[in-house]
């Protein structure tokens, strides 16, 4: 049976995600060289950046889908925004886990109120509040409208996270052998990891859309049965 919200290529995308993840692990731990200063700890950089990139991508999809919902009032855009926000929060949580591990080696402390870490934490709280809005409003249309507004406003923190280092402070950097940029093999590993996380994002987002569509279909069925028995 075909599940609404899943593309015909969904299973293939799942396998592609798995293969890319395995390739990225090989690239990170075997292909890319060790960084001179941070050594093995630097390897977390690839996961950290890959997760951050796709968190931004997920919240950008929330932003666009929320605008489209407010323009069209089509429920599919609200469903897409909610599913993408879930994956975005997952990736942001991964960023907040890997960031302190990296900071422990760079600054000898698990957490510092450094600009990018702090604004990323604020971003995480914003989208957790997004889900509180979705859970706290019972009326479907009002819930979708409020969620869309929150999704649009919340995205404003994404560019702040990106430029936070230039505005307010230092963030760990990874340099190549000459100190002037990433070693080519490091760059290759990073690109593969970003692609792997992007494939995983699309796969999980489609799963989320399918689950939400199923939930809405069941809710519609319950409402119709309730109306039928009330007559």
Protein backbone atom coordinates (compact mmCIF):
# COMPACT_ATOMS: atom_id res chain seq x y z
CA UNK A 1 0.00 0.00 0.00
CA UNK A 2 1.34 3.43 -0.91
CA UNK A 3 1.62 5.80 2.01
CA UNK A 4 0.56 9.35 1.28
CA UNK A 5 3.49 11.74 1.60
CA UNK A 6 6.15 9.22 0.57
CA UNK A 7 7.66 9.40 -2.89
CA UNK A 8 8.08 6.28 -4.98
CA UNK A 9 11.83 6.63 -4.50
CA UNK A 10 11.67 6.83 -0.71
CA UNK A 11 13.18 3.41 -0.03
CA UNK A 12 15.96 4.07 -2.53
CA UNK A 13 16.65 7.36 -0.75
CA UNK A 14 16.91 5.47 2.54
CA UNK A 15 19.52 3.13 1.08
CA UNK A 16 21.36 6.07 -0.47
CA UNK A 17 21.44 7.79 2.93
CA UNK A 18 22.85 4.66 4.57
CA UNK A 19 25.54 4.24 1.92
CA UNK A 20 26.53 7.91 2.07
CA UNK A 21 26.74 7.71 5.85
CA UNK A 22 29.12 4.75 5.62
CA UNK A 23 31.21 6.54 2.98
CA UNK A 24 31.33 9.68 5.11
CA UNK A 25 32.50 7.69 8.16
CA UNK A 26 35.30 6.20 6.06
CA UNK A 27 36.20 9.66 4.73
CA UNK A 28 36.23 11.14 8.22
CA UNK A 29 38.21 8.47 10.07
CA UNK A 30 40.38 6.96 7.33
CA UNK A 31 40.67 9.31 4.36
CA UNK A 32 40.98 12.76 5.96
CA UNK A 33 44.32 13.49 7.69
CA UNK A 34 44.68 14.42 11.32
CA UNK A 35 44.74 18.10 12.14
CA UNK A 36 48.06 19.12 13.75
CA UNK A 37 46.73 20.75 16.92
CA UNK A 38 43.45 19.04 17.83
CA UNK A 39 44.31 15.65 16.35
CA UNK A 40 41.47 13.08 16.66
CA UNK A 41 39.08 15.53 18.33
CA UNK A 42 38.98 17.58 15.12
CA UNK A 43 37.13 14.69 13.43
CA UNK A 44 33.93 15.88 15.12
CA UNK A 45 34.12 18.98 12.91
CA UNK A 46 32.66 17.08 9.94
CA UNK A 47 29.60 15.89 11.85
CA UNK A 48 29.19 19.25 13.55
CA UNK A 49 29.20 21.22 10.29
CA UNK A 50 27.12 18.64 8.39
CA UNK A 51 24.44 18.73 11.07
CA UNK A 52 24.50 22.55 11.25
CA UNK A 53 24.15 22.94 7.48
CA UNK A 54 21.12 20.67 7.38
CA UNK A 55 19.55 22.27 10.44
CA UNK A 56 19.69 25.57 8.54
CA UNK A 57 18.26 23.86 5.45
CA UNK A 58 15.42 22.34 7.47
CA UNK A 59 14.48 25.67 9.04
CA UNK A 60 14.65 27.38 5.65
CA UNK A 61 12.09 24.82 4.40
CA UNK A 62 9.95 25.64 7.45
CA UNK A 63 10.24 29.33 6.56
CA UNK A 64 9.20 28.85 2.93
CA UNK A 65 6.43 26.33 3.70
CA UNK A 66 5.04 28.64 6.39
CA UNK A 67 4.85 31.54 3.94
CA UNK A 68 3.13 29.31 1.39
CA UNK A 69 0.64 28.12 3.99
CA UNK A 70 -0.30 31.68 4.95
CA UNK A 71 -0.78 32.52 1.27
CA UNK A 72 -2.77 29.41 0.26
CA UNK A 73 -4.15 27.93 3.51
CA UNK A 74 -3.26 24.55 1.97
CA UNK A 75 -2.69 22.03 4.77
CA UNK A 76 0.11 20.27 2.90
CA UNK A 77 2.42 23.25 3.51
CA UNK A 78 1.71 23.20 7.23
CA UNK A 79 2.44 19.46 7.26
CA UNK A 80 5.71 19.99 5.40
CA UNK A 81 6.75 22.78 7.79
CA UNK A 82 6.05 20.65 10.86
CA UNK A 83 7.95 17.64 9.49
CA UNK A 84 10.94 19.76 8.46
CA UNK A 85 11.00 21.50 11.85
CA UNK A 86 11.20 18.12 13.61
CA UNK A 87 14.27 17.12 11.61
CA UNK A 88 15.75 20.59 12.08
CA UNK A 89 15.47 20.29 15.85
CA UNK A 90 17.10 16.84 15.66
CA UNK A 91 20.07 18.24 13.74
CA UNK A 92 20.32 21.29 16.01
CA UNK A 93 20.43 18.96 19.02
CA UNK A 94 23.32 17.14 17.35
CA UNK A 95 25.07 20.47 16.80
CA UNK A 96 24.65 21.33 20.49
CA UNK A 97 26.06 17.93 21.50
CA UNK A 98 29.08 18.01 19.20
CA UNK A 99 29.81 21.69 19.80
CA UNK A 100 30.70 21.33 23.50
CA UNK A 101 32.80 18.23 22.75
CA UNK A 102 34.78 20.31 20.27
CA UNK A 103 34.88 23.25 22.71
CA UNK A 104 36.31 21.00 25.45
CA UNK A 105 39.43 20.47 23.37
CA UNK A 106 39.63 24.02 21.98
CA UNK A 107 38.90 25.99 25.17
CA UNK A 108 39.31 23.39 27.95
CA UNK A 109 35.66 23.77 28.95
CA UNK A 110 32.49 21.95 27.95
CA UNK A 111 30.47 25.10 27.46
CA UNK A 112 31.23 28.74 26.94
CA UNK A 113 28.80 31.47 26.03
CA UNK A 114 30.57 31.92 22.71
CA UNK A 115 28.49 33.72 20.08
CA UNK A 116 27.72 30.86 17.71
CA UNK A 117 27.03 28.25 20.41
CA UNK A 118 24.77 30.68 22.26
CA UNK A 119 22.75 31.74 19.21
CA UNK A 120 22.41 28.07 18.20
CA UNK A 121 21.00 27.31 21.65
CA UNK A 122 18.53 30.19 21.19
CA UNK A 123 17.56 28.69 17.80
CA UNK A 124 16.90 25.33 19.48
CA UNK A 125 14.64 26.98 22.09
CA UNK A 126 12.75 28.88 19.37
CA UNK A 127 11.80 25.71 17.52
CA UNK A 128 11.01 23.83 20.71
CA UNK A 129 8.56 26.67 21.38
CA UNK A 130 7.23 26.12 17.83
CA UNK A 131 6.21 22.60 18.86
CA UNK A 132 4.70 23.88 22.10
CA UNK A 133 2.50 26.14 19.97
CA UNK A 134 1.47 23.19 17.81
CA UNK A 135 0.70 21.08 20.87
CA UNK A 136 -1.05 23.81 22.83
CA UNK A 137 -3.63 25.04 20.28
CA UNK A 138 -6.51 22.65 19.66
CA UNK A 139 -8.27 24.36 16.75
CA UNK A 140 -6.50 23.15 13.57
CA UNK A 141 -6.59 26.31 11.43
CA UNK A 142 -5.56 28.60 14.28
CA UNK A 143 -2.77 26.18 15.23
CA UNK A 144 -1.47 26.14 11.66
CA UNK A 145 -1.57 29.94 11.33
CA UNK A 146 0.20 30.53 14.63
CA UNK A 147 2.78 27.86 13.80
CA UNK A 148 3.41 29.45 10.40
CA UNK A 149 3.96 32.87 11.95
CA UNK A 150 6.29 31.35 14.55
CA UNK A 151 8.16 29.41 11.85
CA UNK A 152 8.75 32.58 9.84
CA UNK A 153 9.89 34.66 12.81
CA UNK A 154 12.06 31.83 14.17
CA UNK A 155 14.03 31.61 10.95
CA UNK A 156 15.35 35.13 11.55
CA UNK A 157 17.78 33.61 14.06
CA UNK A 158 19.43 31.44 11.37
CA UNK A 159 21.40 34.26 9.67
CA UNK A 160 22.27 35.57 13.14
CA UNK A 161 23.83 32.19 13.97
CA UNK A 162 25.75 32.28 10.70
CA UNK A 163 27.24 35.75 11.19
CA UNK A 164 27.53 35.58 14.99
CA UNK A 165 31.27 34.94 14.93
CA UNK A 166 31.95 37.99 12.75
CA UNK A 167 29.74 40.15 14.97
CA UNK A 168 30.63 39.02 18.48
CA UNK A 169 33.54 36.67 18.80
CA UNK A 170 35.74 33.68 18.17
CA UNK A 171 34.77 30.18 17.04
CA UNK A 172 37.11 27.18 16.57
CA UNK A 173 38.51 26.94 13.05
CA UNK A 174 40.06 23.99 11.25
CA UNK A 175 43.10 24.66 9.11
CA UNK A 176 45.06 22.60 6.67
CA UNK A 177 48.74 21.89 6.59
CA UNK A 178 49.69 25.41 5.61
CA UNK A 179 47.26 27.14 7.98
CA UNK A 180 45.44 28.83 5.12
CA UNK A 181 42.38 26.65 4.74
CA UNK A 182 41.12 23.09 4.76
CA UNK A 183 43.40 20.35 3.53
CA UNK A 184 41.93 19.02 0.23
CA UNK A 185 41.18 15.63 1.80
CA UNK A 186 39.47 17.35 4.73
CA UNK A 187 37.34 19.31 2.26
CA UNK A 188 36.41 16.10 0.42
CA UNK A 189 35.36 14.46 3.71
CA UNK A 190 33.30 17.50 4.64
CA UNK A 191 31.49 17.57 1.28
CA UNK A 192 30.65 13.86 1.49
CA UNK A 193 29.37 14.29 5.06
CA UNK A 194 27.18 17.26 4.13
CA UNK A 195 25.67 15.27 1.24
CA UNK A 196 25.08 12.29 3.56
CA UNK A 197 23.27 14.43 6.11
CA UNK A 198 21.26 16.13 3.35
CA UNK A 199 20.06 12.77 2.03
CA UNK A 200 19.18 11.77 5.59
CA UNK A 201 17.29 15.05 6.06
CA UNK A 202 15.15 14.48 2.96
CA UNK A 203 14.49 10.87 3.99
CA UNK A 204 13.44 11.76 7.55
CA UNK A 205 11.40 14.75 6.36
CA UNK A 206 9.41 12.53 3.98
CA UNK A 207 8.83 10.08 6.83
CA UNK A 208 7.56 12.92 8.99
CA UNK A 209 5.18 14.13 6.28
CA UNK A 210 3.81 10.61 5.84
CA UNK A 211 3.26 10.18 9.59
CA UNK A 212 1.53 13.55 9.87
CA UNK A 213 -0.69 12.77 6.87
CA UNK A 214 -1.65 9.47 8.49
CA UNK A 215 -2.45 11.21 11.76
CA UNK A 216 -4.59 13.81 9.98
CA UNK A 217 -6.42 11.13 8.00
CA UNK A 218 -7.23 9.26 11.21
CA UNK A 219 -8.40 12.47 12.85
CA UNK A 220 -10.65 13.26 9.87
CA UNK A 221 -12.08 9.74 10.03
CA UNK A 222 -12.78 10.07 13.76
CA UNK A 223 -14.48 13.43 13.17
CA UNK A 224 -16.71 11.99 10.42
CA UNK A 225 -17.67 9.02 12.59
CA UNK A 226 -18.45 11.32 15.50
CA UNK A 227 -20.66 13.47 13.28
CA UNK A 228 -22.42 10.38 11.94
CA UNK A 229 -23.21 9.02 15.39
CA UNK A 230 -24.32 12.45 16.64
CA UNK A 231 -26.98 12.73 13.90
